[in-house]
Amino acid sequence: MSPTIHREAGYRFFFFSREESRPHVYVYSTDGESKFWLEPKLELAKNYRLTKIQLKEIERIIEGHYDEFKAA
C-alpha cells in the first residue's frame, strides 16, 4: 500500500506503509521518480530520470511540508 500524502507541481508524494522505519518519502512525476530520507537530515536516497532542477524543486516542497511528511 502506498498512500499519497501530498500533490503539488505535478509531483505525487507518498510512502510504502510496510517498508523501513527510517522516515522517508517517495516522489513520482511523469518524468521520473525519487526517494528522499527525512532524517537525520533531508537527503536524496534514489533518483530515476529527474533533473537537478526538478530535485531542487522537490526538496523545496518537502521542506515546506516537512512536518506533514514526517508525521505520515
Protein backbone atom coordinates (compact mmCIF):
# COMPACT_ATOMS: atom_id res chain seq x y z
CA MET A 1 0.00 0.00 0.00
CA SER A 2 1.34 3.46 -0.86
CA PRO A 3 -0.84 6.29 0.43
CA THR A 4 -0.49 9.69 -1.22
CA ILE A 5 0.35 12.33 1.37
CA HIS A 6 0.67 15.37 -0.91
CA ARG A 7 0.37 16.53 -4.52
CA GLU A 8 2.00 19.66 -5.85
CA ALA A 9 3.52 20.97 -9.09
CA GLY A 10 2.89 17.69 -10.91
CA TYR A 11 4.53 15.58 -8.19
CA ARG A 12 2.91 12.87 -6.08
CA PHE A 13 4.46 12.38 -2.63
CA PHE A 14 3.85 9.01 -0.99
CA PHE A 15 5.33 6.24 1.14
CA PHE A 16 5.03 2.47 1.42
CA SER A 17 3.29 1.63 4.67
CA ARG A 18 5.22 -1.59 5.36
CA GLU A 19 8.69 -0.54 4.42
CA GLU A 20 11.61 0.58 6.56
CA SER A 21 11.17 2.56 9.76
CA ARG A 22 13.54 5.41 8.85
CA PRO A 23 11.34 8.36 7.77
CA HIS A 24 11.35 8.87 4.01
CA VAL A 25 9.13 9.97 1.15
CA TYR A 26 8.85 8.84 -2.46
CA VAL A 27 8.12 11.31 -5.24
CA TYR A 28 6.62 10.43 -8.61
CA SER A 29 6.07 12.51 -11.73
CA THR A 30 5.64 11.66 -15.37
CA ASP A 31 9.34 12.48 -15.83
CA GLY A 32 10.67 10.05 -13.22
CA GLU A 33 10.76 9.29 -9.53
CA SER A 34 12.91 9.68 -6.44
CA LYS A 35 13.18 8.82 -2.76
CA PHE A 36 14.26 11.23 -0.03
CA TRP A 37 15.33 10.46 3.51
CA LEU A 38 13.73 12.83 6.02
CA GLU A 39 16.07 12.01 8.92
CA PRO A 40 18.63 12.60 10.22
CA LYS A 41 18.52 15.30 7.51
CA LEU A 42 16.72 15.79 4.21
CA GLU A 43 18.78 13.80 1.71
CA LEU A 44 18.27 12.28 -1.72
CA ALA A 45 18.32 8.48 -1.43
CA LYS A 46 17.47 7.47 -5.02
CA ASN A 47 16.76 9.20 -8.30
CA TYR A 48 15.44 7.88 -11.57
CA ARG A 49 15.35 10.33 -14.51
CA LEU A 50 14.64 13.56 -12.61
CA THR A 51 16.85 16.55 -13.36
CA LYS A 52 18.83 18.54 -10.80
CA ILE A 53 16.35 21.40 -11.23
CA GLN A 54 13.42 19.07 -10.50
CA LEU A 55 15.20 17.61 -7.47
CA LYS A 56 15.79 21.12 -6.06
CA GLU A 57 12.09 21.94 -6.58
CA ILE A 58 11.10 18.71 -4.83
CA GLU A 59 13.43 19.48 -1.92
CA ARG A 60 11.82 22.92 -1.59
CA ILE A 61 8.35 21.34 -1.50
CA ILE A 62 9.43 18.76 1.08
CA GLU A 63 11.00 21.46 3.26
CA GLY A 64 7.74 23.43 3.10
CA HIS A 65 5.71 20.40 4.24
CA TYR A 66 8.36 18.67 6.31
CA ASP A 67 6.26 18.16 9.44
CA GLU A 68 3.35 16.79 7.39
CA PHE A 69 5.60 14.30 5.60
CA LYS A 70 7.41 13.22 8.75
CA ALA A 71 4.12 12.57 10.56
CA ALA A 72 2.73 10.38 7.76
